[in-house]
C-alpha atoms as a PDB file:
ATOM      1  CA  UNK A   1      -3.842 -32.718  15.474  1.00  0.00           C
ATOM      2  CA  UNK A   2      -2.513 -29.151  15.461  1.00  0.00           C
ATOM      3  CA  UNK A   3       0.300 -27.208  17.062  1.00  0.00           C
ATOM      4  CA  UNK A   4      -0.457 -23.615  17.989  1.00  0.00           C
ATOM      5  CA  UNK A   5       2.608 -21.429  18.304  1.00  0.00           C
ATOM      6  CA  UNK A   6       1.508 -18.159  19.898  1.00  0.00           C
ATOM      7  CA  UNK A   7       3.860 -15.229  20.466  1.00  0.00           C
ATOM      8  CA  UNK A   8       2.369 -12.978  23.145  1.00  0.00           C
ATOM      9  CA  UNK A   9       3.655  -9.658  24.511  1.00  0.00           C
ATOM     10  CA  UNK A  10       4.997  -9.975  28.056  1.00  0.00           C
ATOM     11  CA  UNK A  11       2.358  -7.581  29.416  1.00  0.00           C
ATOM     12  CA  UNK A  12      -0.357 -10.033  28.299  1.00  0.00           C
ATOM     13  CA  UNK A  13       1.483 -13.195  29.389  1.00  0.00           C
ATOM     14  CA  UNK A  14      -0.131 -13.619  32.817  1.00  0.00           C
ATOM     15  CA  UNK A  15      -3.687 -13.226  31.501  1.00  0.00           C
ATOM     16  CA  UNK A  16      -3.113 -15.699  28.667  1.00  0.00           C
ATOM     17  CA  UNK A  17      -1.434 -18.232  30.970  1.00  0.00           C
ATOM     18  CA  UNK A  18      -4.273 -18.018  33.496  1.00  0.00           C
ATOM     19  CA  UNK A  19      -6.989 -18.354  30.872  1.00  0.00           C
ATOM     20  CA  UNK A  20      -5.320 -21.343  29.203  1.00  0.00           C
ATOM     21  CA  UNK A  21      -4.902 -23.097  32.556  1.00  0.00           C
ATOM     22  CA  UNK A  22      -8.494 -22.316  33.580  1.00  0.00           C
ATOM     23  CA  UNK A  23      -9.697 -23.914  30.342  1.00  0.00           C
ATOM     24  CA  UNK A  24      -7.442 -26.946  30.923  1.00  0.00           C
ATOM     25  CA  UNK A  25      -5.115 -26.459  27.954  1.00  0.00           C
ATOM     26  CA  UNK A  26      -1.659 -27.990  28.330  1.00  0.00           C
ATOM     27  CA  UNK A  27       1.185 -25.916  26.939  1.00  0.00           C
ATOM     28  CA  UNK A  28       4.861 -25.105  27.077  1.00  0.00           C
ATOM     29  CA  UNK A  29       5.856 -21.483  27.577  1.00  0.00           C
ATOM     30  CA  UNK A  30       9.211 -20.182  26.353  1.00  0.00           C
ATOM     31  CA  UNK A  31      10.612 -16.720  27.055  1.00  0.00           C
ATOM     32  CA  UNK A  32      11.507 -14.868  23.862  1.00  0.00           C
ATOM     33  CA  UNK A  33      12.147 -11.355  22.604  1.00  0.00           C
ATOM     34  CA  UNK A  34      11.120  -9.473  19.486  1.00  0.00           C
ATOM     35  CA  UNK A  35      13.583  -8.363  16.860  1.00  0.00           C
ATOM     36  CA  UNK A  36      12.416  -4.796  16.217  1.00  0.00           C
ATOM     37  CA  UNK A  37      11.874  -3.427  19.733  1.00  0.00           C
ATOM     38  CA  UNK A  38      13.752  -6.182  21.551  1.00  0.00           C
ATOM     39  CA  UNK A  39      10.970  -6.386  24.123  1.00  0.00           C
ATOM     40  CA  UNK A  40      10.008  -9.486  26.052  1.00  0.00           C
ATOM     41  CA  UNK A  41       7.501 -11.982  24.743  1.00  0.00           C
ATOM     42  CA  UNK A  42       6.219 -15.368  25.755  1.00  0.00           C
ATOM     43  CA  UNK A  43       6.023 -18.062  23.108  1.00  0.00           C
ATOM     44  CA  UNK A  44       3.412 -20.738  23.773  1.00  0.00           C
ATOM     45  CA  UNK A  45       3.515 -24.178  22.198  1.00  0.00           C
ATOM     46  CA  UNK A  46       0.065 -25.759  22.475  1.00  0.00           C
ATOM     47  CA  UNK A  47      -0.673 -29.212  21.103  1.00  0.00           C
ATOM     48  CA  UNK A  48      -4.385 -29.794  20.571  1.00  0.00           C
ATOM     49  CA  UNK A  49      -7.016 -31.583  18.560  1.00  0.00           C
ATOM     50  CA  UNK A  50      -8.511 -29.954  15.471  1.00  0.00           C
ATOM     51  CA  UNK A  51     -11.818 -29.202  17.226  1.00  0.00           C
ATOM     52  CA  UNK A  52     -10.024 -27.274  20.024  1.00  0.00           C
ATOM     53  CA  UNK A  53      -8.276 -24.740  17.764  1.00  0.00           C
ATOM     54  CA  UNK A  54     -11.081 -22.159  17.668  1.00  0.00           C
ATOM     55  CA  UNK A  55     -11.492 -22.223  21.461  1.00  0.00           C
ATOM     56  CA  UNK A  56      -7.754 -21.716  22.018  1.00  0.00           C
ATOM     57  CA  UNK A  57      -7.637 -18.865  19.483  1.00  0.00           C
ATOM     58  CA  UNK A  58     -10.604 -17.199  21.194  1.00  0.00           C
ATOM     59  CA  UNK A  59      -8.884 -17.433  24.599  1.00  0.00           C
ATOM     60  CA  UNK A  60      -5.696 -15.877  23.250  1.00  0.00           C
ATOM     61  CA  UNK A  61      -7.632 -13.145  21.440  1.00  0.00           C
ATOM     62  CA  UNK A  62      -9.685 -12.234  24.524  1.00  0.00           C
ATOM     63  CA  UNK A  63      -6.610 -11.947  26.742  1.00  0.00           C
ATOM     64  CA  UNK A  64      -4.262  -9.941  24.521  1.00  0.00           C
ATOM     65  CA  UNK A  65      -4.535  -6.346  23.459  1.00  0.00           C
ATOM     66  CA  UNK A  66      -2.519  -4.053  21.281  1.00  0.00           C
ATOM     67  CA  UNK A  67      -1.264  -0.739  22.631  1.00  0.00           C
ATOM     68  CA  UNK A  68       0.695   2.184  21.265  1.00  0.00           C
ATOM     69  CA  UNK A  69       4.000   3.366  22.621  1.00  0.00           C
ATOM     70  CA  UNK A  70       6.714   5.739  21.527  1.00  0.00           C
ATOM     71  CA  UNK A  71      10.209   4.451  20.839  1.00  0.00           C
ATOM     72  CA  UNK A  72      13.451   6.094  19.765  1.00  0.00           C
ATOM     73  CA  UNK A  73      14.674   4.362  16.644  1.00  0.00           C
ATOM     74  CA  UNK A  74      18.416   4.538  16.057  1.00  0.00           C
ATOM     75  CA  UNK A  75      19.786   4.586  12.502  1.00  0.00           C
ATOM     76  CA  UNK A  76      21.042   1.276  11.092  1.00  0.00           C
ATOM     77  CA  UNK A  77      24.522   2.615  10.308  1.00  0.00           C
ATOM     78  CA  UNK A  78      27.288   3.186  12.820  1.00  0.00           C
ATOM     79  CA  UNK A  79      27.505   6.975  12.542  1.00  0.00           C
ATOM     80  CA  UNK A  80      28.651   8.879  15.640  1.00  0.00           C
ATOM     81  CA  UNK A  81      25.777   9.493  18.062  1.00  0.00           C
ATOM     82  CA  UNK A  82      26.463  13.228  18.176  1.00  0.00           C
ATOM     83  CA  UNK A  83      25.358  13.594  14.556  1.00  0.00           C
ATOM     84  CA  UNK A  84      21.947  11.975  15.049  1.00  0.00           C
ATOM     85  CA  UNK A  85      19.079  13.024  17.279  1.00  0.00           C
ATOM     86  CA  UNK A  86      16.526  10.223  17.665  1.00  0.00           C
ATOM     87  CA  UNK A  87      12.911  11.232  17.123  1.00  0.00           C
ATOM     88  CA  UNK A  88      10.251   9.210  18.960  1.00  0.00           C
ATOM     89  CA  UNK A  89       8.108   7.118  16.653  1.00  0.00           C
ATOM     90  CA  UNK A  90       4.686   5.779  17.618  1.00  0.00           C
ATOM     91  CA  UNK A  91       4.443   2.005  17.125  1.00  0.00           C
ATOM     92  CA  UNK A  92       1.815  -0.591  17.915  1.00  0.00           C
ATOM     93  CA  UNK A  93       2.895  -3.298  20.375  1.00  0.00           C
ATOM     94  CA  UNK A  94       1.195  -6.133  22.166  1.00  0.00           C
ATOM     95  CA  UNK A  95      -1.417  -8.549  21.009  1.00  0.00           C
ATOM     96  CA  UNK A  96      -0.419 -11.934  19.716  1.00  0.00           C
ATOM     97  CA  UNK A  97       0.812 -13.624  16.584  1.00  0.00           C
ATOM     98  CA  UNK A  98      -0.427 -17.203  16.269  1.00  0.00           C
ATOM     99  CA  UNK A  99       0.672 -19.907  13.847  1.00  0.00           C
ATOM    100  CA  UNK A 100      -1.521 -22.993  13.411  1.00  0.00           C
ATOM    101  CA  UNK A 101       0.596 -25.895  12.202  1.00  0.00           C
ATOM    102  CA  UNK A 102      -0.557 -29.353  11.090  1.00  0.00           C
ATOM    103  CA  UNK A 103       1.062 -32.133  13.103  1.00  0.00           C
ATOM    104  CA  UNK A 104       1.675 -35.355  11.227  1.00  0.00           C
ATOM    105  CA  UNK A 105       2.616 -37.334  14.307  1.00  0.00           C
ATOM    106  CA  UNK A 106       2.908 -36.792  18.045  1.00  0.00           C
ATOM    107  CA  UNK A 107       4.412 -39.033  20.699  1.00  0.00           C
ATOM    108  CA  UNK A 108       4.348 -38.720  24.471  1.00  0.00           C
ATOM    109  CA  UNK A 109       6.907 -40.622  26.562  1.00  0.00           C
END
């Protein structure tokens, strides 16, 4: 048995949720946010059998996409804002990060 932990950008959340439900995967969805851009994500916890992992990964891959956006990055120190002019930086956002974890035991009550 495996546990898939998938972190999906909020713009892709509805497509991933729909595709997982259509393919009869059971999951728990938790709202989360990223550390760098502090944007919204959805974290999926999906318990499945070993032979279902590739299908679930394919569904997530087909329903997520990366995109580029510009962000203003503030300096890490606490200098006065008047002395710093933020310059937009192009970063890649979206897509998904998926962890596949072995499950030693699972119980359902």
